[in-house]
Amino acid sequence: MNELDARADRAQRAARDGGAVARRAFRTGIAVETKGGKTDVVTQADKDAQRRVVERIRGAFPDEPIVGEEEDERKSVPESGPAWVVDPIDGTNNFVRNVPVWATAVAAVRDGDPIAAANYLPALDDCYAADDETASRNGEEISVSQRDDPETCTVCPTFWWDYDARDEYAAAARAIVTRFGDLRRYGSMQVVLSYVADGSLDGVITNKRANPWDSVAGAHLVRMAGGTVTDLDGNAWRHDSEGLVASNGHVHDAVLEAAREIDGR
């Protein structure tokens, strides 16, 4: 197994193992704490799952930095060298409401760019994975949808618009429903990016800067499945980009136009 294959394998193993820890606490009435706001929640399951993910990564790559949402892991992606980006439960608000749409995300990056990723949806037992060539779900290769008529497409507004930005939330919904066939919102950026990768969704938009743990793994999945991921200017998306616009590529111009409308660009 070469180094890249080892990283791709470790990402998938870490995501599955961390997700298994979280799944054992799912729908058990686990206590919920808040962090920065009323809807910014965390549970002991988040912390326990992240510890398991970190253990699995460090078992093979002990000296490499890990970027993680919880506890004392670093919060920014290093611009040089190898590193890992993890989210133990992306979609904690779904998790605490007993909704099975949440993911454990792990990405391997080098010089700031993803080279392998895995998003495991424990409650659904779906594992999305990508190396530097292809993307798969449960071991079967996947690809983005081939829809090229926006009126047949389904697009998702993602990330979170806080209470002082609900006009942007409304603008995102309006921009979608006036251009596309339908709108979905799932409450987990990693899940919806996985759904773009397998063709279940045709696009995802936000004008916000996404946290790396919410986005890097899913963005890599979309690209390896043949899709397009950019910032609001149409440039290739990176972990520090302003906004995130993902699509099947065929309708990217329309998806990008919708994203720009959120804050009146």
Protein backbone atom coordinates (compact mmCIF):
# COMPACT_ATOMS: atom_id res chain seq x y z
CA MET A 1 0.00 0.00 0.00
CA ASN A 2 1.50 3.34 -1.03
CA GLU A 3 1.34 6.43 1.18
CA LEU A 4 -1.75 7.92 -0.46
CA ASP A 5 -3.62 4.64 -0.26
CA ALA A 6 -2.63 4.39 3.40
CA ARG A 7 -4.06 7.85 4.08
CA ALA A 8 -7.28 7.10 2.23
CA ASP A 9 -7.64 3.84 4.13
CA ARG A 10 -6.91 5.52 7.47
CA ALA A 11 -9.45 8.30 6.78
CA GLN A 12 -12.16 5.72 6.17
CA ARG A 13 -11.22 3.59 9.18
CA ALA A 14 -11.08 6.63 11.48
CA ALA A 15 -14.45 7.92 10.26
CA ARG A 16 -16.08 4.52 10.73
CA ASP A 17 -14.59 4.01 14.20
CA GLY A 18 -15.46 7.50 15.41
CA GLY A 19 -18.93 7.20 13.94
CA ALA A 20 -19.48 3.92 15.76
CA VAL A 21 -18.76 5.68 19.06
CA ALA A 22 -21.30 8.40 18.24
CA ARG A 23 -23.90 5.90 17.05
CA ARG A 24 -23.88 4.11 20.40
CA ALA A 25 -25.04 7.36 22.04
CA PHE A 26 -27.63 8.21 19.36
CA ARG A 27 -31.24 8.32 20.59
CA THR A 28 -30.19 7.65 24.19
CA GLY A 29 -31.28 10.98 25.68
CA ILE A 30 -27.71 12.25 25.91
CA ALA A 31 -27.16 15.60 27.66
CA VAL A 32 -26.72 18.64 25.42
CA GLU A 33 -24.57 21.71 26.06
CA THR A 34 -24.39 24.95 24.10
CA LYS A 35 -21.19 26.61 22.91
CA GLY A 36 -21.38 29.95 21.10
CA GLY A 37 -25.15 30.28 20.75
CA LYS A 38 -28.54 28.67 21.35
CA THR A 39 -28.23 26.41 18.30
CA ASP A 40 -24.47 25.77 18.59
CA VAL A 41 -24.69 22.55 20.55
CA VAL A 42 -22.28 19.84 21.63
CA THR A 43 -22.62 16.52 23.43
CA GLN A 44 -20.29 14.11 25.16
CA ALA A 45 -20.69 11.93 22.08
CA ASP A 46 -18.99 14.62 19.96
CA LYS A 47 -16.02 14.64 22.30
CA ASP A 48 -15.80 10.86 22.65
CA ALA A 49 -16.09 10.32 18.90
CA GLN A 50 -13.40 12.90 18.16
CA ARG A 51 -11.05 11.23 20.62
CA ARG A 52 -11.55 7.91 18.84
CA VAL A 53 -10.95 9.51 15.43
CA VAL A 54 -7.78 11.18 16.71
CA GLU A 55 -6.57 7.90 18.25
CA ARG A 56 -7.02 6.10 14.93
CA ILE A 57 -5.16 8.78 12.98
CA ARG A 58 -2.28 9.05 15.45
CA GLY A 59 -1.94 5.29 15.51
CA ALA A 60 -0.62 5.51 11.95
CA PHE A 61 0.53 9.13 11.62
CA PRO A 62 1.55 10.13 15.16
CA ASP A 63 3.30 13.41 14.42
CA GLU A 64 0.89 15.05 12.00
CA PRO A 65 -1.33 17.98 13.03
CA ILE A 66 -5.06 17.40 13.40
CA VAL A 67 -7.67 20.12 12.88
CA GLY A 68 -10.85 19.32 14.80
CA GLU A 69 -14.04 21.01 15.95
CA GLU A 70 -13.99 19.84 19.56
CA GLU A 71 -11.64 20.24 22.50
CA ASP A 72 -8.00 21.29 22.08
CA GLU A 73 -7.28 20.28 18.50
CA ARG A 74 -6.02 23.09 16.27
CA LYS A 75 -8.66 25.15 14.43
CA SER A 76 -6.87 26.12 11.22
CA VAL A 77 -5.45 24.06 8.37
CA PRO A 78 -1.66 24.36 7.99
CA GLU A 79 -0.56 25.68 4.62
CA SER A 80 2.35 23.26 4.26
CA GLY A 81 2.91 19.60 4.94
CA PRO A 82 0.46 16.81 5.76
CA ALA A 83 -2.44 17.25 8.19
CA TRP A 84 -5.89 15.89 9.03
CA VAL A 85 -9.28 17.62 9.35
CA VAL A 86 -11.99 15.93 11.42
CA ASP A 87 -15.55 16.48 12.56
CA PRO A 88 -16.88 13.81 14.94
CA ILE A 89 -20.55 14.70 14.39
CA ASP A 90 -21.40 17.08 11.58
CA GLY A 91 -25.07 17.75 12.14
CA THR A 92 -25.18 17.71 15.94
CA ASN A 93 -28.54 19.49 15.93
CA ASN A 94 -29.95 16.53 13.99
CA PHE A 95 -28.16 14.11 16.33
CA VAL A 96 -29.73 15.60 19.46
CA ARG A 97 -33.19 15.67 17.85
CA ASN A 98 -32.93 11.97 16.95
CA VAL A 99 -32.76 12.69 13.22
CA PRO A 100 -30.44 10.17 11.51
CA VAL A 101 -28.82 12.68 9.12
CA TRP A 102 -25.33 13.38 10.49
CA ALA A 103 -21.80 12.36 9.63
CA THR A 104 -18.37 11.68 11.01
CA ALA A 105 -15.92 13.37 8.65
CA VAL A 106 -12.19 12.81 8.16
CA ALA A 107 -9.97 14.37 5.49
CA ALA A 108 -6.27 14.03 4.81
CA VAL A 109 -4.70 17.20 3.42
CA ARG A 110 -1.30 18.15 2.08
CA ASP A 111 -0.17 21.76 1.69
CA GLY A 112 -3.70 22.84 2.55
CA ASP A 113 -5.45 20.76 -0.12
CA PRO A 114 -7.39 17.52 0.46
CA ILE A 115 -5.94 14.30 -0.95
CA ALA A 116 -8.30 11.76 0.66
CA ALA A 117 -11.55 11.89 2.60
CA ALA A 118 -14.32 9.88 4.21
CA ASN A 119 -17.78 10.87 5.39
CA TYR A 120 -19.47 8.13 7.40
CA LEU A 121 -23.20 8.45 8.12
CA PRO A 122 -23.46 6.05 11.09
CA ALA A 123 -27.22 6.02 11.57
CA LEU A 124 -27.67 5.14 7.88
CA ASP A 125 -24.50 3.01 7.63
CA ASP A 126 -23.40 4.81 4.46
CA CYS A 127 -19.70 5.49 4.00
CA TYR A 128 -18.59 7.96 1.34
CA ALA A 129 -14.87 7.87 0.56
CA ALA A 130 -12.46 9.39 -1.93
CA ASP A 131 -8.81 9.12 -2.82
CA ASP A 132 -7.14 11.34 -5.43
CA GLU A 133 -9.00 9.81 -8.38
CA THR A 134 -12.46 8.50 -7.56
CA ALA A 135 -15.28 8.67 -5.00
CA SER A 136 -17.39 5.83 -3.68
CA ARG A 137 -20.31 5.00 -1.42
CA ASN A 138 -20.06 1.71 0.43
CA GLY A 139 -17.35 0.59 -1.96
CA GLU A 140 -19.27 1.37 -5.17
CA GLU A 141 -17.99 4.19 -7.37
CA ILE A 142 -20.27 7.24 -7.50
CA SER A 143 -20.59 10.30 -9.71
CA VAL A 144 -22.46 13.58 -9.69
CA SER A 145 -25.77 13.90 -11.51
CA GLN A 146 -25.92 14.64 -15.23
CA ARG A 147 -28.83 17.09 -15.02
CA ASP A 148 -28.26 20.22 -17.06
CA ASP A 149 -31.68 21.89 -16.85
CA PRO A 150 -31.86 23.99 -13.65
CA GLU A 151 -35.63 23.48 -13.48
CA THR A 152 -35.05 19.76 -12.93
CA CYS A 153 -32.41 20.29 -10.25
CA THR A 154 -32.57 20.23 -6.45
CA VAL A 155 -30.30 22.61 -4.55
CA CYS A 156 -29.58 22.96 -0.84
CA PRO A 157 -28.78 26.08 1.21
CA THR A 158 -26.25 24.98 3.80
CA PHE A 159 -24.26 26.11 6.81
CA TRP A 160 -25.99 28.36 9.33
CA TRP A 161 -27.25 31.91 9.08
CA ASP A 162 -27.45 33.26 12.61
CA TYR A 163 -30.35 35.33 13.88
CA ASP A 164 -28.74 38.58 12.76
CA ALA A 165 -28.49 37.24 9.19
CA ARG A 166 -31.89 35.68 8.63
CA ASP A 167 -32.45 38.00 5.67
CA GLU A 168 -29.57 36.14 3.99
CA TYR A 169 -31.16 32.81 4.89
CA ALA A 170 -34.40 33.98 3.27
CA ALA A 171 -32.48 35.29 0.25
CA ALA A 172 -30.78 31.91 -0.18
CA ALA A 173 -34.12 30.13 -0.19
CA ARG A 174 -35.59 32.65 -2.63
CA ALA A 175 -32.60 32.41 -4.95
CA ILE A 176 -33.03 28.64 -5.10
CA VAL A 177 -36.80 28.37 -5.51
CA THR A 178 -36.86 30.95 -8.30
CA ARG A 179 -34.18 29.12 -10.33
CA PHE A 180 -34.39 25.42 -9.61
CA GLY A 181 -36.89 22.63 -9.46
CA ASP A 182 -36.78 22.19 -5.69
CA LEU A 183 -35.00 22.96 -2.43
CA ARG A 184 -33.80 20.64 0.34
CA ARG A 185 -32.15 21.41 3.67
CA TYR A 186 -30.63 18.59 5.71
CA GLY A 187 -28.72 20.29 8.53
CA SER A 188 -25.26 18.84 7.80
CA MET A 189 -22.86 20.30 5.27
CA GLN A 190 -20.85 17.10 5.04
CA VAL A 191 -23.99 15.10 4.31
CA VAL A 192 -25.24 17.42 1.57
CA LEU A 193 -21.84 17.55 -0.11
CA SER A 194 -21.85 13.76 -0.06
CA TYR A 195 -25.28 13.89 -1.70
CA VAL A 196 -23.95 16.13 -4.47
CA ALA A 197 -21.17 13.60 -4.98
CA ASP A 198 -23.62 10.71 -5.48
CA GLY A 199 -26.14 12.70 -7.53
CA SER A 200 -28.88 12.92 -4.91
CA LEU A 201 -28.51 16.71 -4.95
CA ASP A 202 -27.41 18.90 -7.84
CA GLY A 203 -26.01 21.83 -5.89
CA VAL A 204 -25.16 23.31 -2.50
CA ILE A 205 -24.72 27.00 -1.67
CA THR A 206 -23.60 29.26 1.14
CA ASN A 207 -22.12 32.75 1.18
CA LYS A 208 -20.48 32.08 4.55
CA ARG A 209 -16.92 30.95 5.18
CA ALA A 210 -17.32 27.33 6.19
CA ASN A 211 -15.27 25.81 8.98
CA PRO A 212 -12.76 23.33 7.53
CA TRP A 213 -14.16 20.45 9.59
CA ASP A 214 -17.61 21.10 8.09
CA SER A 215 -16.47 21.20 4.49
CA VAL A 216 -13.07 19.85 3.42
CA ALA A 217 -13.98 16.16 3.25
CA GLY A 218 -17.23 16.79 1.40
CA ALA A 219 -15.70 19.23 -1.07
CA HIS A 220 -13.09 16.60 -1.96
CA LEU A 221 -15.81 14.00 -2.47
CA VAL A 222 -17.67 16.27 -4.90
CA ARG A 223 -14.56 16.92 -6.96
CA MET A 224 -13.52 13.29 -7.12
CA ALA A 225 -17.07 12.40 -8.21
CA GLY A 226 -16.77 14.79 -11.16
CA GLY A 227 -18.39 17.90 -9.70
CA THR A 228 -17.28 21.50 -9.25
CA VAL A 229 -16.59 23.39 -6.01
CA THR A 230 -15.80 27.11 -6.07
CA ASP A 231 -15.92 30.23 -3.96
CA LEU A 232 -18.31 33.09 -4.68
CA ASP A 233 -15.97 34.49 -7.34
CA GLY A 234 -15.96 31.21 -9.23
CA ASN A 235 -12.40 30.36 -8.22
CA ALA A 236 -11.45 26.91 -6.98
CA TRP A 237 -12.65 26.53 -3.39
CA ARG A 238 -10.15 26.16 -0.56
CA HIS A 239 -10.57 25.67 3.17
CA ASP A 240 -10.30 29.44 3.77
CA SER A 241 -12.53 30.60 0.90
CA GLU A 242 -15.40 33.03 1.29
CA GLY A 243 -18.53 31.07 0.47
CA LEU A 244 -18.85 27.55 -0.88
CA VAL A 245 -20.66 26.66 -4.11
CA ALA A 246 -20.78 22.98 -5.11
CA SER A 247 -22.58 21.47 -8.07
CA ASN A 248 -22.60 18.71 -10.64
CA GLY A 249 -20.73 21.10 -12.92
CA HIS A 250 -23.42 21.18 -15.59
CA VAL A 251 -25.49 23.82 -13.77
CA HIS A 252 -22.67 25.50 -11.89
CA ASP A 253 -23.25 28.92 -13.42
CA ALA A 254 -26.84 28.94 -12.20
CA VAL A 255 -25.84 27.63 -8.75
CA LEU A 256 -23.12 30.27 -8.50
CA GLU A 257 -25.58 32.99 -9.52
CA ALA A 258 -27.94 31.88 -6.74
CA ALA A 259 -25.14 31.93 -4.17
CA ARG A 260 -24.12 35.45 -5.14
CA GLU A 261 -27.69 36.68 -4.71
CA ILE A 262 -27.66 35.81 -0.99
CA ASP A 263 -25.86 39.02 -0.01
CA GLY A 264 -26.62 41.00 -3.14
CA ARG A 265 -23.34 40.56 -5.04
